[in-house]
Amino acid sequence: MKTSLAIVALLFTTSFSASAQEPTHKDPLLDRLTGNWILQDTIAGHETTHDIESEWVLNHEYLRFHEISREKNAQGQPAYEAIVFIEWDEASNEYKCLWLDSTGGGGLSNPIAQGKRGNDEITFLFKDKDDKNGGIHTTFAYNKAADTWSWLIDNESGGKLTSFARVKLTRK
């Protein structure tokens, strides 16, 4: 009996371990965002350049990107830095995004933005906890011909959108 239980436990552990190694979520659009990128153009009215490294992590469950500005603050540190996780949730037929950055914290107070896909773009809405009619609209739009991404970021307040960022990602 002990031998039978040991064999069953070994088979269960082996099959669980093997299945845990296979990528579970595949999204061709997010796959195109992997790699090393240079982000350039305008954020908050200022020209900027950031470096982005993007890869699948945690068994291909999440796309993680690490964004670091080349501009420095008074202490010599990057003026902006972010770590972002994006996943495709098949059950809800939407993307989900956690965006943590160096703009003063609070990324975990309203942590998850939902995103919808339209052709070769994903639009996220990050809800503002203090303004029920506001938030941040972030659109990632892929250009197949040029293999580039455009990011459009608009702030919403009282139903009105204001442009915050218009940037382009090109491969390094």
N, C-alpha and C. Protein backbone atom coordinates (compact mmCIF):
# COMPACT_ATOMS: atom_id res chain seq x y z
N MET A 1 0.82 -1.19 0.00
CA MET A 1 0.00 0.00 0.00
C MET A 1 0.86 1.25 0.00
N LYS A 2 1.93 1.26 0.84
CA LYS A 2 2.83 2.41 0.89
C LYS A 2 3.49 2.63 -0.46
N THR A 3 3.87 1.54 -1.12
CA THR A 3 4.52 1.64 -2.43
C THR A 3 3.55 2.22 -3.44
N SER A 4 2.30 1.79 -3.42
CA SER A 4 1.29 2.33 -4.35
C SER A 4 1.08 3.82 -4.15
N LEU A 5 0.97 4.23 -2.89
CA LEU A 5 0.81 5.66 -2.59
C LEU A 5 2.03 6.46 -3.05
N ALA A 6 3.21 5.92 -2.85
CA ALA A 6 4.43 6.61 -3.26
C ALA A 6 4.47 6.75 -4.78
N ILE A 7 4.06 5.72 -5.51
CA ILE A 7 4.05 5.77 -6.98
C ILE A 7 3.03 6.80 -7.46
N VAL A 8 1.82 6.80 -6.86
CA VAL A 8 0.79 7.78 -7.24
C VAL A 8 1.29 9.19 -6.97
N ALA A 9 1.89 9.40 -5.80
CA ALA A 9 2.42 10.73 -5.46
C ALA A 9 3.51 11.15 -6.44
N LEU A 10 4.39 10.22 -6.79
CA LEU A 10 5.45 10.52 -7.74
C LEU A 10 4.89 10.87 -9.11
N LEU A 11 3.89 10.10 -9.58
CA LEU A 11 3.28 10.39 -10.87
C LEU A 11 2.58 11.75 -10.86
N PHE A 12 1.86 12.06 -9.78
CA PHE A 12 1.17 13.35 -9.68
C PHE A 12 2.18 14.49 -9.69
N THR A 13 3.25 14.35 -8.90
CA THR A 13 4.27 15.40 -8.83
C THR A 13 4.95 15.58 -10.18
N THR A 14 5.26 14.48 -10.87
CA THR A 14 5.91 14.56 -12.17
C THR A 14 5.00 15.22 -13.19
N SER A 15 3.72 14.81 -13.24
CA SER A 15 2.83 15.40 -14.24
C SER A 15 2.54 16.86 -13.92
N PHE A 16 2.41 17.22 -12.64
CA PHE A 16 2.18 18.62 -12.26
C PHE A 16 3.40 19.46 -12.62
N SER A 17 4.59 18.93 -12.33
CA SER A 17 5.82 19.67 -12.63
C SER A 17 5.98 19.86 -14.13
N ALA A 18 5.68 18.84 -14.92
CA ALA A 18 5.82 18.96 -16.38
C ALA A 18 4.84 19.97 -16.94
N SER A 19 3.59 19.94 -16.45
CA SER A 19 2.61 20.88 -16.98
C SER A 19 2.91 22.30 -16.51
N ALA A 20 3.55 22.47 -15.37
CA ALA A 20 3.87 23.80 -14.86
C ALA A 20 4.97 24.45 -15.69
N GLN A 21 5.73 23.67 -16.43
CA GLN A 21 6.81 24.22 -17.23
C GLN A 21 6.36 24.75 -18.58
N GLU A 22 5.18 24.35 -19.03
CA GLU A 22 4.69 24.78 -20.33
C GLU A 22 4.07 26.17 -20.24
N PRO A 23 4.33 27.03 -21.23
CA PRO A 23 3.67 28.33 -21.22
C PRO A 23 2.16 28.15 -21.23
N THR A 24 1.47 28.91 -20.39
CA THR A 24 0.02 28.74 -20.28
C THR A 24 -0.74 29.80 -21.06
N HIS A 25 -0.23 31.01 -21.13
CA HIS A 25 -0.95 32.08 -21.81
C HIS A 25 -0.11 32.56 -22.98
N LYS A 26 -0.65 32.44 -24.14
CA LYS A 26 0.06 32.93 -25.31
C LYS A 26 -0.79 34.01 -25.94
N ASP A 27 -0.16 35.14 -26.19
CA ASP A 27 -0.86 36.23 -26.84
C ASP A 27 0.07 36.82 -27.89
N PRO A 28 -0.26 36.65 -29.17
CA PRO A 28 0.63 37.10 -30.23
C PRO A 28 0.90 38.60 -30.19
N LEU A 29 -0.07 39.39 -29.75
CA LEU A 29 0.15 40.83 -29.70
C LEU A 29 1.15 41.18 -28.60
N LEU A 30 0.98 40.59 -27.42
CA LEU A 30 1.95 40.84 -26.35
C LEU A 30 3.32 40.29 -26.69
N ASP A 31 3.37 39.17 -27.42
CA ASP A 31 4.67 38.63 -27.84
C ASP A 31 5.47 39.68 -28.63
N ARG A 32 4.77 40.52 -29.39
CA ARG A 32 5.45 41.54 -30.19
C ARG A 32 6.04 42.67 -29.33
N LEU A 33 5.63 42.73 -28.07
CA LEU A 33 6.14 43.76 -27.16
C LEU A 33 7.40 43.30 -26.42
N THR A 34 7.76 42.02 -26.56
CA THR A 34 8.96 41.54 -25.88
C THR A 34 10.20 42.07 -26.58
N GLY A 35 11.26 42.24 -25.80
CA GLY A 35 12.54 42.67 -26.35
C GLY A 35 13.04 43.95 -25.70
N ASN A 36 14.00 44.57 -26.36
CA ASN A 36 14.61 45.81 -25.88
C ASN A 36 14.19 46.97 -26.77
N TRP A 37 13.74 48.04 -26.16
CA TRP A 37 13.14 49.15 -26.87
C TRP A 37 13.72 50.49 -26.43
N ILE A 38 13.62 51.46 -27.30
CA ILE A 38 13.88 52.86 -26.94
C ILE A 38 12.57 53.60 -27.10
N LEU A 39 12.15 54.26 -26.04
CA LEU A 39 10.93 55.07 -26.02
C LEU A 39 11.36 56.52 -26.21
N GLN A 40 10.76 57.21 -27.18
CA GLN A 40 11.10 58.61 -27.42
C GLN A 40 9.87 59.41 -27.81
N ASP A 41 9.86 60.64 -27.43
CA ASP A 41 8.90 61.66 -27.84
C ASP A 41 8.51 62.48 -26.64
N THR A 42 7.22 62.78 -26.50
CA THR A 42 6.80 63.78 -25.52
C THR A 42 5.96 63.19 -24.39
N ILE A 43 6.37 63.49 -23.14
CA ILE A 43 5.60 63.14 -21.95
C ILE A 43 5.47 64.42 -21.13
N ALA A 44 4.24 64.78 -20.82
CA ALA A 44 3.94 65.99 -20.03
C ALA A 44 4.59 67.23 -20.65
N GLY A 45 4.60 67.29 -21.98
CA GLY A 45 5.12 68.46 -22.67
C GLY A 45 6.64 68.51 -22.80
N HIS A 46 7.34 67.46 -22.37
CA HIS A 46 8.81 67.45 -22.42
C HIS A 46 9.30 66.30 -23.29
N GLU A 47 10.30 66.60 -24.10
CA GLU A 47 10.93 65.54 -24.89
C GLU A 47 11.67 64.60 -23.93
N THR A 48 11.58 63.30 -24.20
CA THR A 48 12.19 62.33 -23.29
C THR A 48 12.67 61.10 -24.05
N THR A 49 13.57 60.37 -23.42
CA THR A 49 14.05 59.09 -23.94
C THR A 49 14.14 58.11 -22.78
N HIS A 50 13.54 56.95 -22.96
CA HIS A 50 13.58 55.89 -21.94
C HIS A 50 14.05 54.61 -22.60
N ASP A 51 14.63 53.73 -21.81
CA ASP A 51 14.99 52.39 -22.25
C ASP A 51 14.01 51.41 -21.61
N ILE A 52 13.58 50.42 -22.40
CA ILE A 52 12.63 49.43 -21.92
C ILE A 52 13.14 48.03 -22.25
N GLU A 53 13.11 47.17 -21.25
CA GLU A 53 13.39 45.75 -21.44
C GLU A 53 12.10 45.01 -21.11
N SER A 54 11.68 44.12 -21.99
CA SER A 54 10.40 43.45 -21.84
C SER A 54 10.56 41.96 -22.07
N GLU A 55 9.97 41.16 -21.16
CA GLU A 55 10.08 39.70 -21.29
C GLU A 55 8.92 39.02 -20.59
N TRP A 56 8.66 37.77 -21.02
CA TRP A 56 7.68 36.94 -20.33
C TRP A 56 8.31 36.41 -19.06
N VAL A 57 7.55 36.40 -17.96
CA VAL A 57 8.05 35.89 -16.68
C VAL A 57 6.99 34.99 -16.05
N LEU A 58 7.43 34.28 -15.01
CA LEU A 58 6.56 33.41 -14.22
C LEU A 58 5.76 32.46 -15.11
N ASN A 59 6.53 31.64 -15.84
CA ASN A 59 5.96 30.59 -16.68
C ASN A 59 5.08 31.14 -17.79
N HIS A 60 5.52 32.26 -18.36
CA HIS A 60 4.81 32.87 -19.50
C HIS A 60 3.40 33.34 -19.11
N GLU A 61 3.23 33.66 -17.83
CA GLU A 61 1.94 34.15 -17.34
C GLU A 61 1.81 35.65 -17.53
N TYR A 62 2.93 36.37 -17.34
CA TYR A 62 2.91 37.83 -17.34
C TYR A 62 4.00 38.37 -18.24
N LEU A 63 3.68 39.43 -18.95
CA LEU A 63 4.70 40.18 -19.66
C LEU A 63 5.16 41.27 -18.69
N ARG A 64 6.44 41.29 -18.41
CA ARG A 64 7.00 42.30 -17.51
C ARG A 64 7.89 43.23 -18.32
N PHE A 65 7.68 44.52 -18.14
CA PHE A 65 8.66 45.42 -18.70
C PHE A 65 9.18 46.37 -17.65
N HIS A 66 10.44 46.70 -17.83
CA HIS A 66 11.16 47.60 -16.93
C HIS A 66 11.55 48.81 -17.76
N GLU A 67 11.01 49.94 -17.37
CA GLU A 67 11.22 51.20 -18.10
C GLU A 67 12.06 52.14 -17.24
N ILE A 68 13.13 52.69 -17.82
CA ILE A 68 14.01 53.61 -17.11
C ILE A 68 14.32 54.80 -18.01
N SER A 69 14.09 56.00 -17.48
CA SER A 69 14.40 57.20 -18.27
C SER A 69 15.90 57.44 -18.30
N ARG A 70 16.37 58.00 -19.38
CA ARG A 70 17.77 58.39 -19.47
C ARG A 70 18.02 59.71 -18.74
N GLU A 71 16.96 60.51 -18.59
CA GLU A 71 17.08 61.76 -17.84
C GLU A 71 17.29 61.42 -16.36
N LYS A 72 18.07 62.22 -15.67
CA LYS A 72 18.39 61.99 -14.26
C LYS A 72 17.78 63.09 -13.39
N ASN A 73 17.50 62.75 -12.13
CA ASN A 73 17.03 63.75 -11.17
C ASN A 73 18.24 64.39 -10.48
N ALA A 74 18.00 65.23 -9.51
CA ALA A 74 19.07 65.96 -8.83
C ALA A 74 20.03 65.01 -8.09
N GLN A 75 19.57 63.83 -7.72
CA GLN A 75 20.41 62.86 -7.04
C GLN A 75 21.17 61.94 -8.01
N GLY A 76 21.00 62.18 -9.30
CA GLY A 76 21.68 61.35 -10.31
C GLY A 76 20.98 60.05 -10.61
N GLN A 77 19.78 59.86 -10.10
CA GLN A 77 19.00 58.66 -10.37
C GLN A 77 18.08 58.91 -11.56
N PRO A 78 17.58 57.84 -12.18
CA PRO A 78 16.64 58.05 -13.28
C PRO A 78 15.46 58.92 -12.85
N ALA A 79 15.09 59.86 -13.69
CA ALA A 79 13.96 60.74 -13.37
C ALA A 79 12.65 59.95 -13.33
N TYR A 80 12.59 58.82 -14.02
CA TYR A 80 11.39 57.98 -14.03
C TYR A 80 11.81 56.54 -14.16
N GLU A 81 11.11 55.66 -13.45
CA GLU A 81 11.34 54.23 -13.56
C GLU A 81 10.02 53.53 -13.29
N ALA A 82 9.75 52.47 -14.04
CA ALA A 82 8.52 51.70 -13.84
C ALA A 82 8.79 50.22 -14.08
N ILE A 83 8.04 49.43 -13.35
CA ILE A 83 7.97 47.99 -13.60
C ILE A 83 6.49 47.69 -13.82
N VAL A 84 6.20 47.07 -14.96
CA VAL A 84 4.82 46.86 -15.39
C VAL A 84 4.62 45.38 -15.68
N PHE A 85 3.47 44.87 -15.24
CA PHE A 85 3.08 43.49 -15.54
C PHE A 85 1.77 43.53 -16.31
N ILE A 86 1.72 42.78 -17.42
CA ILE A 86 0.51 42.67 -18.23
C ILE A 86 0.21 41.19 -18.43
N GLU A 87 -1.08 40.86 -18.32
CA GLU A 87 -1.49 39.48 -18.61
C GLU A 87 -2.75 39.48 -19.47
N TRP A 88 -2.94 38.39 -20.17
CA TRP A 88 -4.17 38.17 -20.91
C TRP A 88 -5.00 37.22 -20.07
N ASP A 89 -6.22 37.64 -19.74
CA ASP A 89 -7.14 36.83 -18.94
C ASP A 89 -8.22 36.29 -19.87
N GLU A 90 -8.07 35.03 -20.25
CA GLU A 90 -9.02 34.44 -21.20
C GLU A 90 -10.43 34.36 -20.63
N ALA A 91 -10.56 34.14 -19.33
CA ALA A 91 -11.89 34.01 -18.73
C ALA A 91 -12.72 35.27 -18.91
N SER A 92 -12.09 36.43 -18.77
CA SER A 92 -12.82 37.69 -18.90
C SER A 92 -12.64 38.33 -20.28
N ASN A 93 -11.82 37.71 -21.12
CA ASN A 93 -11.55 38.21 -22.47
C ASN A 93 -11.00 39.65 -22.43
N GLU A 94 -10.05 39.87 -21.50
CA GLU A 94 -9.45 41.18 -21.39
C GLU A 94 -8.02 41.07 -20.86
N TYR A 95 -7.29 42.14 -21.05
CA TYR A 95 -5.96 42.25 -20.48
C TYR A 95 -6.08 42.86 -19.10
N LYS A 96 -5.09 42.58 -18.28
CA LYS A 96 -4.99 43.22 -16.96
C LYS A 96 -3.56 43.73 -16.81
N CYS A 97 -3.43 44.87 -16.13
CA CYS A 97 -2.13 45.52 -16.04
C CYS A 97 -1.91 46.07 -14.64
N LEU A 98 -0.73 45.81 -14.10
CA LEU A 98 -0.26 46.39 -12.85
C LEU A 98 0.92 47.28 -13.21
N TRP A 99 0.83 48.58 -12.89
CA TRP A 99 1.86 49.56 -13.27
C TRP A 99 2.39 50.19 -11.99
N LEU A 100 3.62 49.89 -11.67
CA LEU A 100 4.28 50.45 -10.49
C LEU A 100 5.40 51.37 -10.98
N ASP A 101 5.41 52.61 -10.49
CA ASP A 101 6.45 53.52 -10.95
C ASP A 101 6.94 54.43 -9.83
N SER A 102 7.90 55.27 -10.17
CA SER A 102 8.58 56.12 -9.21
C SER A 102 7.97 57.51 -9.09
N THR A 103 6.68 57.64 -9.37
CA THR A 103 6.06 58.97 -9.34
C THR A 103 5.39 59.28 -8.01
N GLY A 104 5.80 58.61 -6.94
CA GLY A 104 5.27 58.95 -5.64
C GLY A 104 4.46 57.86 -5.00
N GLY A 105 4.49 56.67 -5.54
CA GLY A 105 3.77 55.56 -4.92
C GLY A 105 2.30 55.56 -5.28
N GLY A 106 1.56 54.74 -4.58
CA GLY A 106 0.13 54.63 -4.80
C GLY A 106 -0.25 53.63 -5.87
N GLY A 107 0.73 52.97 -6.48
CA GLY A 107 0.43 52.02 -7.54
C GLY A 107 -0.38 50.83 -7.08
N LEU A 108 -0.33 50.55 -5.80
CA LEU A 108 -1.09 49.41 -5.27
C LEU A 108 -2.44 49.81 -4.70
N SER A 109 -2.74 51.11 -4.65
CA SER A 109 -4.03 51.52 -4.11
C SER A 109 -5.17 51.23 -5.08
N ASN A 110 -4.95 51.33 -6.37
CA ASN A 110 -5.88 50.92 -7.43
C ASN A 110 -5.05 50.12 -8.43
N PRO A 111 -4.66 48.92 -8.05
CA PRO A 111 -3.56 48.28 -8.77
C PRO A 111 -3.83 47.75 -10.17
N ILE A 112 -5.02 47.31 -10.48
CA ILE A 112 -5.20 46.60 -11.74
C ILE A 112 -6.08 47.40 -12.70
N ALA A 113 -5.53 47.62 -13.88
CA ALA A 113 -6.32 48.25 -14.95
C ALA A 113 -6.77 47.14 -15.90
N GLN A 114 -8.00 47.26 -16.39
CA GLN A 114 -8.51 46.33 -17.39
C GLN A 114 -8.24 46.92 -18.76
N GLY A 115 -7.98 46.04 -19.72
CA GLY A 115 -7.71 46.49 -21.07
C GLY A 115 -8.45 45.68 -22.10
N LYS A 116 -8.86 46.34 -23.15
CA LYS A 116 -9.54 45.68 -24.27
C LYS A 116 -8.65 45.73 -25.50
N ARG A 117 -8.79 44.71 -26.32
CA ARG A 117 -8.01 44.64 -27.55
C ARG A 117 -8.88 45.05 -28.72
N GLY A 118 -8.28 45.85 -29.60
CA GLY A 118 -8.91 46.23 -30.85
C GLY A 118 -7.88 46.15 -31.95
N ASN A 119 -8.02 45.22 -32.85
CA ASN A 119 -7.02 44.99 -33.91
C ASN A 119 -5.64 44.84 -33.29
N ASP A 120 -4.74 45.75 -33.58
CA ASP A 120 -3.37 45.66 -33.06
C ASP A 120 -3.12 46.69 -31.96
N GLU A 121 -4.10 46.87 -31.10
CA GLU A 121 -3.90 47.79 -29.99
C GLU A 121 -4.61 47.29 -28.74
N ILE A 122 -4.09 47.75 -27.61
CA ILE A 122 -4.68 47.45 -26.32
C ILE A 122 -4.91 48.78 -25.62
N THR A 123 -6.11 48.98 -25.12
CA THR A 123 -6.42 50.21 -24.39
C THR A 123 -6.77 49.86 -22.95
N PHE A 124 -6.01 50.45 -22.03
CA PHE A 124 -6.22 50.25 -20.60
C PHE A 124 -6.85 51.49 -20.00
N LEU A 125 -7.65 51.26 -18.97
CA LEU A 125 -8.18 52.37 -18.18
C LEU A 125 -7.75 52.15 -16.74
N PHE A 126 -6.90 53.05 -16.26
CA PHE A 126 -6.48 53.05 -14.87
C PHE A 126 -7.42 54.01 -14.15
N LYS A 127 -8.28 53.47 -13.30
CA LYS A 127 -9.26 54.29 -12.58
C LYS A 127 -8.58 55.11 -11.50
N ASP A 128 -9.03 56.34 -11.37
CA ASP A 128 -8.55 57.23 -10.32
C ASP A 128 -9.43 57.04 -9.10
N LYS A 129 -8.84 56.63 -7.98
CA LYS A 129 -9.64 56.34 -6.79
C LYS A 129 -10.36 57.56 -6.25
N ASP A 130 -9.83 58.77 -6.50
CA ASP A 130 -10.43 59.99 -5.96
C ASP A 130 -11.45 60.62 -6.89
N ASP A 131 -11.45 60.23 -8.16
CA ASP A 131 -12.34 60.85 -9.14
C ASP A 131 -13.09 59.73 -9.85
N LYS A 132 -14.35 59.54 -9.52
CA LYS A 132 -15.13 58.44 -10.09
C LYS A 132 -15.34 58.58 -11.58
N ASN A 133 -15.18 59.78 -12.11
CA ASN A 133 -15.34 60.01 -13.55
C ASN A 133 -14.00 60.12 -14.26
N GLY A 134 -12.92 59.83 -13.56
CA GLY A 134 -11.62 60.06 -14.16
C GLY A 134 -10.76 58.82 -14.20
N GLY A 135 -9.56 59.04 -14.66
CA GLY A 135 -8.60 57.96 -14.75
C GLY A 135 -7.57 58.27 -15.81
N ILE A 136 -6.78 57.27 -16.13
CA ILE A 136 -5.74 57.40 -17.14
C ILE A 136 -6.02 56.38 -18.23
N HIS A 137 -6.16 56.86 -19.44
CA HIS A 137 -6.37 56.00 -20.62
C HIS A 137 -5.01 55.80 -21.27
N THR A 138 -4.59 54.55 -21.36
CA THR A 138 -3.29 54.23 -21.96
C THR A 138 -3.51 53.25 -23.09
N THR A 139 -3.11 53.64 -24.29
CA THR A 139 -3.27 52.79 -25.47
C THR A 139 -1.91 52.39 -26.01
N PHE A 140 -1.71 51.10 -26.17
CA PHE A 140 -0.53 50.53 -26.81
C PHE A 140 -0.95 50.13 -28.22
N ALA A 141 -0.40 50.76 -29.24
CA ALA A 141 -0.79 50.45 -30.62
C ALA A 141 0.43 49.94 -31.39
N TYR A 142 0.29 48.75 -31.97
CA TYR A 142 1.39 48.12 -32.69
C TYR A 142 1.30 48.42 -34.17
N ASN A 143 2.43 48.81 -34.77
CA ASN A 143 2.53 49.04 -36.21
C ASN A 143 3.32 47.86 -36.80
N LYS A 144 2.62 46.94 -37.44
CA LYS A 144 3.26 45.74 -37.99
C LYS A 144 4.33 46.07 -39.03
N ALA A 145 4.03 46.99 -39.92
CA ALA A 145 4.95 47.30 -41.02
C ALA A 145 6.29 47.81 -40.51
N ALA A 146 6.28 48.61 -39.47
CA ALA A 146 7.51 49.20 -38.95
C ALA A 146 8.05 48.46 -37.72
N ASP A 147 7.28 47.50 -37.19
CA ASP A 147 7.62 46.80 -35.95
C ASP A 147 7.92 47.82 -34.84
N THR A 148 7.00 48.75 -34.65
CA THR A 148 7.10 49.76 -33.60
C THR A 148 5.80 49.80 -32.81
N TRP A 149 5.84 50.44 -31.67
CA TRP A 149 4.67 50.64 -30.84
C TRP A 149 4.48 52.12 -30.59
N SER A 150 3.26 52.57 -30.55
CA SER A 150 2.92 53.92 -30.10
C SER A 150 2.20 53.78 -28.78
N TRP A 151 2.53 54.66 -27.85
CA TRP A 151 1.80 54.73 -26.60
C TRP A 151 1.14 56.09 -26.52
N LEU A 152 -0.13 56.07 -26.29
CA LEU A 152 -0.90 57.30 -26.13
C LEU A 152 -1.46 57.29 -24.72
N ILE A 153 -1.16 58.32 -23.96
CA ILE A 153 -1.64 58.39 -22.58
C ILE A 153 -2.43 59.69 -22.42
N ASP A 154 -3.68 59.54 -21.98
CA ASP A 154 -4.56 60.68 -21.78
C ASP A 154 -5.10 60.64 -20.35
N ASN A 155 -5.11 61.79 -19.71
CA ASN A 155 -5.73 61.92 -18.39
C ASN A 155 -7.19 62.31 -18.58
N GLU A 156 -8.06 61.69 -17.79
CA GLU A 156 -9.48 62.01 -17.85
C GLU A 156 -9.92 62.61 -16.53
N SER A 157 -10.63 63.70 -16.61
CA SER A 157 -11.23 64.30 -15.43
C SER A 157 -12.57 64.90 -15.83
N GLY A 158 -13.60 64.52 -15.10
CA GLY A 158 -14.94 65.02 -15.39
C GLY A 158 -15.40 64.70 -16.79
N GLY A 159 -14.95 63.57 -17.35
CA GLY A 159 -15.35 63.16 -18.69
C GLY A 159 -14.55 63.78 -19.81
N LYS A 160 -13.58 64.65 -19.48
CA LYS A 160 -12.77 65.31 -20.50
C LYS A 160 -11.36 64.71 -20.52
N LEU A 161 -10.88 64.37 -21.75
CA LEU A 161 -9.54 63.83 -21.92
C LEU A 161 -8.54 64.93 -22.24
N THR A 162 -7.36 64.82 -21.59
CA THR A 162 -6.26 65.74 -21.85
C THR A 162 -5.03 64.91 -22.18
N SER A 163 -4.38 65.24 -23.28
CA SER A 163 -3.19 64.50 -23.70
C SER A 163 -2.07 64.64 -22.67
N PHE A 164 -1.48 63.52 -22.31
CA PHE A 164 -0.35 63.52 -21.38
C PHE A 164 0.93 63.06 -22.07
N ALA A 165 0.84 62.01 -22.88
CA ALA A 165 2.04 61.47 -23.53
C ALA A 165 1.72 60.94 -24.90
N ARG A 166 2.65 61.16 -25.81
CA ARG A 166 2.62 60.60 -27.15
C ARG A 166 4.05 60.14 -27.43
N VAL A 167 4.27 58.82 -27.30
CA VAL A 167 5.61 58.28 -27.45
C VAL A 167 5.62 57.10 -28.42
N LYS A 168 6.81 56.80 -28.90
CA LYS A 168 6.98 55.71 -29.85
C LYS A 168 8.11 54.81 -29.34
N LEU A 169 7.90 53.50 -29.47
CA LEU A 169 8.92 52.52 -29.12
C LEU A 169 9.51 51.93 -30.38
N THR A 170 10.83 51.96 -30.47
CA THR A 170 11.55 51.31 -31.57
C THR A 170 12.53 50.32 -30.96
N ARG A 171 12.79 49.25 -31.67
CA ARG A 171 13.71 48.22 -31.15
C ARG A 171 15.13 48.75 -31.13
N LYS A 172 15.85 48.31 -30.09
CA LYS A 172 17.27 48.63 -29.99
C LYS A 172 18.05 47.78 -30.95
